[in-house]
Amino acid sequence: MSAVSRLPGETLKLKVATYNIHIGKDAENKLNLEETIKTLQETDADIIGLQEIERHSPRSRFEDQPRLIAEALGLHYHFEPALTVGPFQFGNALLSRYPILSTERIQLKSAKEDRVALLATLQVRGEPVRVMVTHLGLLQGERARDVEALDKRLREEETPLLVLGDFNTDLTSVELKPWLANLHPTTPERIETFPGSGEQIDYVLTSKQFKATKSYTVTSSASDHVPLVSELDWNQE
């Protein structure tokens, strides 16, 4: 499907998701990557951003989680570590039904736990789409600094853009204002993504080329988060 160019004037439907998988540990803190994969299969998403994913770690059986998940879903993938200690790596991943043409790493330093933003170019039906996957920090000052830096980078983009991530805050937070001046959340009304808290801290943001038609979560105990899924219309200009 990815090799077929879009027809002039065609509206392309995309399903995208973001999910903090908690290194494959379920709500009871037990490792269960199989349940994580099952949950991701239920999203049936074309483009997925994952946070808190790792490989070669003793706490996750030394498995290569990005590879195992991508192979189970039959998707292209790219993993970008925020933290590397010897063979152990921990960070974000992008899964895509469409080819990943290029990737860029943007390091986000933290006093507690370093973060990273992964900025990729996908080839979607013959056209480029930029996708950022990130996981913002726990401290408001660091989030504000990082959103400002990433916003400067994203403002250079004229290509259709998606931002997928765990923001560790909600849309009313002052630190997100730079993004919200130019990007649109797919969930104008709050959808709980951190079960038991009543909070939404996981989001999909889109550039003006996309229109969200439906957003929802997939009920699952595979992580301390649930995946947020958004169905989009992409209109050719």
C-alpha atoms as a PDB file:
ATOM      1  CA  MET A   1       0.000   0.000   0.000  1.00  0.00           C
ATOM      2  CA  SER A   2       2.801   2.430   0.830  1.00  0.00           C
ATOM      3  CA  ALA A   3       4.195   2.255  -2.719  1.00  0.00           C
ATOM      4  CA  VAL A   4       0.909   3.440  -4.268  1.00  0.00           C
ATOM      5  CA  SER A   5       0.774   7.197  -4.797  1.00  0.00           C
ATOM      6  CA  ARG A   6      -2.244   9.115  -3.616  1.00  0.00           C
ATOM      7  CA  LEU A   7      -4.696  10.254  -6.279  1.00  0.00           C
ATOM      8  CA  PRO A   8      -5.156  14.015  -6.801  1.00  0.00           C
ATOM      9  CA  GLY A   9      -7.686  15.347  -4.304  1.00  0.00           C
ATOM     10  CA  GLU A  10      -7.883  12.031  -2.444  1.00  0.00           C
ATOM     11  CA  THR A  11      -8.469  12.134   1.312  1.00  0.00           C
ATOM     12  CA  LEU A  12      -6.197   9.630   2.990  1.00  0.00           C
ATOM     13  CA  LYS A  13      -7.301   8.079   6.253  1.00  0.00           C
ATOM     14  CA  LEU A  14      -4.624   7.376   8.839  1.00  0.00           C
ATOM     15  CA  LYS A  15      -4.828   5.785  12.262  1.00  0.00           C
ATOM     16  CA  VAL A  16      -2.114   6.844  14.684  1.00  0.00           C
ATOM     17  CA  ALA A  17      -1.401   5.908  18.293  1.00  0.00           C
ATOM     18  CA  THR A  18       0.865   6.832  21.171  1.00  0.00           C
ATOM     19  CA  TYR A  19       1.584   4.485  24.072  1.00  0.00           C
ATOM     20  CA  ASN A  20       3.900   4.512  27.072  1.00  0.00           C
ATOM     21  CA  ILE A  21       4.489   0.761  27.457  1.00  0.00           C
ATOM     22  CA  HIS A  22       6.257   0.896  30.865  1.00  0.00           C
ATOM     23  CA  ILE A  23       8.960  -1.486  29.513  1.00  0.00           C
ATOM     24  CA  GLY A  24       6.311  -4.149  29.011  1.00  0.00           C
ATOM     25  CA  LYS A  25       5.333  -4.268  32.681  1.00  0.00           C
ATOM     26  CA  ASP A  26       1.628  -4.543  33.407  1.00  0.00           C
ATOM     27  CA  ALA A  27      -0.453  -2.657  35.957  1.00  0.00           C
ATOM     28  CA  GLU A  28       0.818  -5.031  38.666  1.00  0.00           C
ATOM     29  CA  ASN A  29       4.429  -4.312  37.639  1.00  0.00           C
ATOM     30  CA  LYS A  30       4.897  -7.779  36.159  1.00  0.00           C
ATOM     31  CA  LEU A  31       6.737  -8.141  32.853  1.00  0.00           C
ATOM     32  CA  ASN A  32       4.252  -9.152  30.143  1.00  0.00           C
ATOM     33  CA  LEU A  33       5.426  -8.029  26.711  1.00  0.00           C
ATOM     34  CA  GLU A  34       2.976 -10.426  25.070  1.00  0.00           C
ATOM     35  CA  GLU A  35       0.082  -8.416  26.525  1.00  0.00           C
ATOM     36  CA  THR A  36       1.718  -5.195  25.304  1.00  0.00           C
ATOM     37  CA  ILE A  37       1.860  -6.636  21.793  1.00  0.00           C
ATOM     38  CA  LYS A  38      -1.757  -7.777  21.995  1.00  0.00           C
ATOM     39  CA  THR A  39      -2.815  -4.278  23.047  1.00  0.00           C
ATOM     40  CA  LEU A  40      -0.909  -2.718  20.149  1.00  0.00           C
ATOM     41  CA  GLN A  41      -2.499  -5.169  17.723  1.00  0.00           C
ATOM     42  CA  GLU A  42      -5.901  -3.998  18.952  1.00  0.00           C
ATOM     43  CA  THR A  43      -5.078  -0.405  17.999  1.00  0.00           C
ATOM     44  CA  ASP A  44      -4.568  -1.484  14.353  1.00  0.00           C
ATOM     45  CA  ALA A  45      -2.673   1.777  13.932  1.00  0.00           C
ATOM     46  CA  ASP A  46      -0.660   2.759  10.856  1.00  0.00           C
ATOM     47  CA  ILE A  47       1.793   4.904  12.856  1.00  0.00           C
ATOM     48  CA  ILE A  48       2.665   4.307  16.519  1.00  0.00           C
ATOM     49  CA  GLY A  49       4.877   6.207  18.941  1.00  0.00           C
ATOM     50  CA  LEU A  50       6.148   4.231  21.933  1.00  0.00           C
ATOM     51  CA  GLN A  51       7.761   5.523  25.116  1.00  0.00           C
ATOM     52  CA  GLU A  52       9.619   3.650  27.896  1.00  0.00           C
ATOM     53  CA  ILE A  53      10.766   0.863  25.614  1.00  0.00           C
ATOM     54  CA  GLU A  54      14.131  -0.831  26.028  1.00  0.00           C
ATOM     55  CA  ARG A  55      16.476  -3.520  24.826  1.00  0.00           C
ATOM     56  CA  HIS A  56      19.192  -5.744  26.260  1.00  0.00           C
ATOM     57  CA  SER A  57      18.130  -5.021  29.841  1.00  0.00           C
ATOM     58  CA  PRO A  58      18.138  -7.558  32.693  1.00  0.00           C
ATOM     59  CA  ARG A  59      14.814  -6.199  33.921  1.00  0.00           C
ATOM     60  CA  SER A  60      13.180  -7.171  30.601  1.00  0.00           C
ATOM     61  CA  ARG A  61      14.935 -10.512  29.975  1.00  0.00           C
ATOM     62  CA  PHE A  62      17.612  -8.893  27.800  1.00  0.00           C
ATOM     63  CA  GLU A  63      15.091  -8.810  24.933  1.00  0.00           C
ATOM     64  CA  ASP A  64      15.151  -6.410  22.009  1.00  0.00           C
ATOM     65  CA  GLN A  65      11.670  -5.027  22.628  1.00  0.00           C
ATOM     66  CA  PRO A  66      11.479  -2.707  19.585  1.00  0.00           C
ATOM     67  CA  ARG A  67      12.373  -5.533  17.224  1.00  0.00           C
ATOM     68  CA  LEU A  68      10.047  -8.059  18.861  1.00  0.00           C
ATOM     69  CA  ILE A  69       7.093  -5.670  18.819  1.00  0.00           C
ATOM     70  CA  ALA A  70       7.686  -4.529  15.239  1.00  0.00           C
ATOM     71  CA  GLU A  71       8.036  -8.091  13.972  1.00  0.00           C
ATOM     72  CA  ALA A  72       4.856  -9.187  15.753  1.00  0.00           C
ATOM     73  CA  LEU A  73       2.933  -6.276  14.199  1.00  0.00           C
ATOM     74  CA  GLY A  74       4.603  -6.516  10.782  1.00  0.00           C
ATOM     75  CA  LEU A  75       5.686  -2.865  10.866  1.00  0.00           C
ATOM     76  CA  HIS A  76       8.803  -0.866  10.042  1.00  0.00           C
ATOM     77  CA  TYR A  77      10.484   0.550  13.135  1.00  0.00           C
ATOM     78  CA  HIS A  78      13.179   2.806  14.497  1.00  0.00           C
ATOM     79  CA  PHE A  79      14.339   2.885  18.117  1.00  0.00           C
ATOM     80  CA  GLU A  80      16.034   5.937  19.622  1.00  0.00           C
ATOM     81  CA  PRO A  81      17.603   5.506  23.074  1.00  0.00           C
ATOM     82  CA  ALA A  82      17.543   8.300  25.615  1.00  0.00           C
ATOM     83  CA  LEU A  83      19.816   6.310  27.895  1.00  0.00           C
ATOM     84  CA  THR A  84      22.602   3.870  27.008  1.00  0.00           C
ATOM     85  CA  VAL A  85      24.629   1.962  29.584  1.00  0.00           C
ATOM     86  CA  GLY A  86      26.785  -0.691  27.967  1.00  0.00           C
ATOM     87  CA  PRO A  87      24.420  -2.881  25.902  1.00  0.00           C
ATOM     88  CA  PHE A  88      21.352  -1.579  27.786  1.00  0.00           C
ATOM     89  CA  GLN A  89      19.226   1.066  26.032  1.00  0.00           C
ATOM     90  CA  PHE A  90      16.008   2.812  27.060  1.00  0.00           C
ATOM     91  CA  GLY A  91      13.999   5.344  25.066  1.00  0.00           C
ATOM     92  CA  ASN A  92      11.357   5.840  22.367  1.00  0.00           C
ATOM     93  CA  ALA A  93      10.369   3.959  19.231  1.00  0.00           C
ATOM     94  CA  LEU A  94       8.439   4.664  16.065  1.00  0.00           C
ATOM     95  CA  LEU A  95       6.480   1.892  14.337  1.00  0.00           C
ATOM     96  CA  SER A  96       5.059   2.486  10.889  1.00  0.00           C
ATOM     97  CA  ARG A  97       3.115   0.685   8.204  1.00  0.00           C
ATOM     98  CA  TYR A  98       4.900   3.043   5.816  1.00  0.00           C
ATOM     99  CA  PRO A  99       8.632   3.170   5.005  1.00  0.00           C
ATOM    100  CA  ILE A 100      10.824   5.224   7.349  1.00  0.00           C
ATOM    101  CA  LEU A 101      13.047   7.290   5.077  1.00  0.00           C
ATOM    102  CA  SER A 102      15.169   9.117   7.658  1.00  0.00           C
ATOM    103  CA  THR A 103      15.481   9.779  11.370  1.00  0.00           C
ATOM    104  CA  GLU A 104      16.953  12.512  13.543  1.00  0.00           C
ATOM    105  CA  ARG A 105      17.861  12.326  17.233  1.00  0.00           C
ATOM    106  CA  ILE A 106      17.245  15.323  19.511  1.00  0.00           C
ATOM    107  CA  GLN A 107      18.687  14.845  22.994  1.00  0.00           C
ATOM    108  CA  LEU A 108      16.776  16.337  25.951  1.00  0.00           C
ATOM    109  CA  LYS A 109      18.938  16.540  29.084  1.00  0.00           C
ATOM    110  CA  SER A 110      17.429  16.116  32.532  1.00  0.00           C
ATOM    111  CA  ALA A 111      18.549  16.299  36.136  1.00  0.00           C
ATOM    112  CA  LYS A 112      16.704  13.033  36.839  1.00  0.00           C
ATOM    113  CA  GLU A 113      16.409  11.005  33.641  1.00  0.00           C
ATOM    114  CA  ASP A 114      17.545  12.097  30.186  1.00  0.00           C
ATOM    115  CA  ARG A 115      14.889  12.180  27.473  1.00  0.00           C
ATOM    116  CA  VAL A 116      15.018  12.147  23.696  1.00  0.00           C
ATOM    117  CA  ALA A 117      12.900  13.210  20.741  1.00  0.00           C
ATOM    118  CA  LEU A 118      12.867  11.092  17.602  1.00  0.00           C
ATOM    119  CA  LEU A 119      12.028  13.035  14.438  1.00  0.00           C
ATOM    120  CA  ALA A 120      11.435  10.880  11.371  1.00  0.00           C
ATOM    121  CA  THR A 121      10.307  11.197   7.775  1.00  0.00           C
ATOM    122  CA  LEU A 122       7.838   8.600   6.492  1.00  0.00           C
ATOM    123  CA  GLN A 123       6.842   7.939   2.906  1.00  0.00           C
ATOM    124  CA  VAL A 124       3.063   7.745   2.989  1.00  0.00           C
ATOM    125  CA  ARG A 125       1.514   6.894  -0.361  1.00  0.00           C
ATOM    126  CA  GLY A 126       4.361   8.630  -2.157  1.00  0.00           C
ATOM    127  CA  GLU A 127       4.354  11.757   0.035  1.00  0.00           C
ATOM    128  CA  PRO A 128       6.516  12.723   3.023  1.00  0.00           C
ATOM    129  CA  VAL A 129       5.109  12.975   6.540  1.00  0.00           C
ATOM    130  CA  ARG A 130       7.197  14.077   9.499  1.00  0.00           C
ATOM    131  CA  VAL A 131       6.596  12.318  12.822  1.00  0.00           C
ATOM    132  CA  MET A 132       8.050  13.223  16.200  1.00  0.00           C
ATOM    133  CA  VAL A 133       7.937  10.767  19.109  1.00  0.00           C
ATOM    134  CA  THR A 134       8.916  12.109  22.518  1.00  0.00           C
ATOM    135  CA  HIS A 135       8.569  11.715  26.273  1.00  0.00           C
ATOM    136  CA  LEU A 136       8.752  14.978  28.192  1.00  0.00           C
ATOM    137  CA  GLY A 137      10.277  15.188  31.669  1.00  0.00           C
ATOM    138  CA  LEU A 138       8.729  15.269  35.125  1.00  0.00           C
ATOM    139  CA  LEU A 139       9.909  18.791  35.998  1.00  0.00           C
ATOM    140  CA  GLN A 140       7.922  21.752  34.643  1.00  0.00           C
ATOM    141  CA  GLY A 141      11.021  23.852  34.010  1.00  0.00           C
ATOM    142  CA  GLU A 142      12.607  21.109  31.918  1.00  0.00           C
ATOM    143  CA  ARG A 143       9.381  20.556  29.968  1.00  0.00           C
ATOM    144  CA  ALA A 144       9.158  24.284  29.221  1.00  0.00           C
ATOM    145  CA  ARG A 145      12.783  24.389  28.051  1.00  0.00           C
ATOM    146  CA  ASP A 146      12.404  21.285  25.878  1.00  0.00           C
ATOM    147  CA  VAL A 147       9.076  22.279  24.309  1.00  0.00           C
ATOM    148  CA  GLU A 148      10.573  25.658  23.388  1.00  0.00           C
ATOM    149  CA  ALA A 149      13.612  24.003  21.807  1.00  0.00           C
ATOM    150  CA  LEU A 150      11.546  21.423  19.943  1.00  0.00           C
ATOM    151  CA  ASP A 151       9.081  24.073  18.800  1.00  0.00           C
ATOM    152  CA  LYS A 152      11.906  26.038  17.191  1.00  0.00           C
ATOM    153  CA  ARG A 153      12.899  22.866  15.350  1.00  0.00           C
ATOM    154  CA  LEU A 154       9.337  22.038  14.308  1.00  0.00           C
ATOM    155  CA  ARG A 155       8.578  25.560  13.090  1.00  0.00           C
ATOM    156  CA  GLU A 156      11.032  24.892  10.268  1.00  0.00           C
ATOM    157  CA  GLU A 157       8.738  22.121   9.032  1.00  0.00           C
ATOM    158  CA  GLU A 158       6.411  22.696   6.082  1.00  0.00           C
ATOM    159  CA  THR A 159       5.812  18.986   5.572  1.00  0.00           C
ATOM    160  CA  PRO A 160       2.696  17.493   7.250  1.00  0.00           C
ATOM    161  CA  LEU A 161       3.623  16.798  10.868  1.00  0.00           C
ATOM    162  CA  LEU A 162       2.492  14.557  13.734  1.00  0.00           C
ATOM    163  CA  VAL A 163       3.754  14.766  17.329  1.00  0.00           C
ATOM    164  CA  LEU A 164       3.160  11.653  19.436  1.00  0.00           C
ATOM    165  CA  GLY A 165       4.108  11.452  23.070  1.00  0.00           C
ATOM    166  CA  ASP A 166       3.794  11.227  26.792  1.00  0.00           C
ATOM    167  CA  PHE A 167       3.911  14.893  27.829  1.00  0.00           C
ATOM    168  CA  ASN A 168       3.692  14.281  31.600  1.00  0.00           C
ATOM    169  CA  THR A 169       1.236  17.176  31.813  1.00  0.00           C
ATOM    170  CA  ASP A 170      -2.071  18.283  30.305  1.00  0.00           C
ATOM    171  CA  LEU A 171      -2.982  20.789  27.606  1.00  0.00           C
ATOM    172  CA  THR A 172      -3.710  23.587  30.079  1.00  0.00           C
ATOM    173  CA  SER A 173      -0.046  23.720  31.109  1.00  0.00           C
ATOM    174  CA  VAL A 174       1.752  26.911  30.178  1.00  0.00           C
ATOM    175  CA  GLU A 175       4.803  25.021  28.909  1.00  0.00           C
ATOM    176  CA  LEU A 176       2.814  23.493  26.031  1.00  0.00           C
ATOM    177  CA  LYS A 177       1.650  26.850  24.641  1.00  0.00           C
ATOM    178  CA  PRO A 178       4.403  27.102  21.978  1.00  0.00           C
ATOM    179  CA  TRP A 179       3.244  23.827  20.419  1.00  0.00           C
ATOM    180  CA  LEU A 180      -0.461  24.612  20.669  1.00  0.00           C
ATOM    181  CA  ALA A 181       0.008  27.885  18.779  1.00  0.00           C
ATOM    182  CA  ASN A 182       0.661  25.884  15.600  1.00  0.00           C
ATOM    183  CA  LEU A 183      -0.375  22.283  16.241  1.00  0.00           C
ATOM    184  CA  HIS A 184      -3.799  20.846  16.998  1.00  0.00           C
ATOM    185  CA  PRO A 185      -4.587  18.210  19.647  1.00  0.00           C
ATOM    186  CA  THR A 186      -6.750  15.350  18.426  1.00  0.00           C
ATOM    187  CA  THR A 187      -8.506  15.312  21.812  1.00  0.00           C
ATOM    188  CA  PRO A 188     -10.020  18.743  22.584  1.00  0.00           C
ATOM    189  CA  GLU A 189     -11.901  17.008  25.390  1.00  0.00           C
ATOM    190  CA  ARG A 190      -9.870  15.120  27.991  1.00  0.00           C
ATOM    191  CA  ILE A 191      -9.521  11.348  27.570  1.00  0.00           C
ATOM    192  CA  GLU A 192      -7.934   9.547  30.518  1.00  0.00           C
ATOM    193  CA  THR A 193      -4.668   7.870  29.468  1.00  0.00           C
ATOM    194  CA  PHE A 194      -3.179   7.309  32.930  1.00  0.00           C
ATOM    195  CA  PRO A 195      -5.764   5.005  34.517  1.00  0.00           C
ATOM    196  CA  GLY A 196      -7.015   5.887  37.963  1.00  0.00           C
ATOM    197  CA  SER A 197      -5.798   9.479  37.789  1.00  0.00           C
ATOM    198  CA  GLY A 198      -8.497  11.028  35.618  1.00  0.00           C
ATOM    199  CA  GLU A 199      -5.635  12.625  33.686  1.00  0.00           C
ATOM    200  CA  GLN A 200      -4.657  12.738  30.054  1.00  0.00           C
ATOM    201  CA  ILE A 201      -0.904  13.076  29.701  1.00  0.00           C
ATOM    202  CA  ASP A 202      -0.497  11.251  26.362  1.00  0.00           C
ATOM    203  CA  TYR A 203      -1.288  13.176  23.194  1.00  0.00           C
ATOM    204  CA  VAL A 204      -1.351  13.290  19.423  1.00  0.00           C
ATOM    205  CA  LEU A 205      -0.769  16.739  17.913  1.00  0.00           C
ATOM    206  CA  THR A 206      -1.171  17.415  14.194  1.00  0.00           C
ATOM    207  CA  SER A 207      -0.355  20.105  11.676  1.00  0.00           C
ATOM    208  CA  LYS A 208      -3.136  21.807   9.734  1.00  0.00           C
ATOM    209  CA  GLN A 209      -3.135  19.187   6.959  1.00  0.00           C
ATOM    210  CA  PHE A 210      -4.806  16.643   9.249  1.00  0.00           C
ATOM    211  CA  LYS A 211      -8.284  16.547  10.748  1.00  0.00           C
ATOM    212  CA  ALA A 212      -9.067  14.217  13.636  1.00  0.00           C
ATOM    213  CA  THR A 213     -12.355  12.389  13.144  1.00  0.00           C
ATOM    214  CA  LYS A 214     -12.247  10.118  16.203  1.00  0.00           C
ATOM    215  CA  SER A 215     -10.026   9.539  19.248  1.00  0.00           C
ATOM    216  CA  TYR A 216     -10.222   6.882  21.944  1.00  0.00           C
ATOM    217  CA  THR A 217      -8.185   4.623  24.207  1.00  0.00           C
ATOM    218  CA  VAL A 218      -7.803   0.857  24.157  1.00  0.00           C
ATOM    219  CA  THR A 219      -8.682  -0.688  27.521  1.00  0.00           C
ATOM    220  CA  SER A 220      -5.696  -2.693  28.732  1.00  0.00           C
ATOM    221  CA  SER A 221      -3.733  -3.474  31.896  1.00  0.00           C
ATOM    222  CA  ALA A 222      -0.526  -4.115  29.934  1.00  0.00           C
ATOM    223  CA  SER A 223       1.022  -0.842  31.202  1.00  0.00           C
ATOM    224  CA  ASP A 224       0.353   1.915  33.719  1.00  0.00           C
ATOM    225  CA  HIS A 225      -0.820   3.936  30.673  1.00  0.00           C
ATOM    226  CA  VAL A 226      -3.317   3.032  27.958  1.00  0.00           C
ATOM    227  CA  PRO A 227      -2.759   3.745  24.264  1.00  0.00           C
ATOM    228  CA  LEU A 228      -4.382   6.812  22.747  1.00  0.00           C
ATOM    229  CA  VAL A 229      -5.615   6.182  19.187  1.00  0.00           C
ATOM    230  CA  SER A 230      -6.633   8.929  16.755  1.00  0.00           C
ATOM    231  CA  GLU A 231      -8.222   8.494  13.344  1.00  0.00           C
ATOM    232  CA  LEU A 232      -7.229  11.233  10.912  1.00  0.00           C
ATOM    233  CA  ASP A 233      -8.251  12.542   7.528  1.00  0.00           C
ATOM    234  CA  TRP A 234      -5.351  13.899   5.482  1.00  0.00           C
ATOM    235  CA  ASN A 235      -6.564  16.173   2.726  1.00  0.00           C
ATOM    236  CA  GLN A 236      -4.315  16.931  -0.217  1.00  0.00           C
ATOM    237  CA  GLU A 237      -3.907  20.672  -0.695  1.00  0.00           C
END
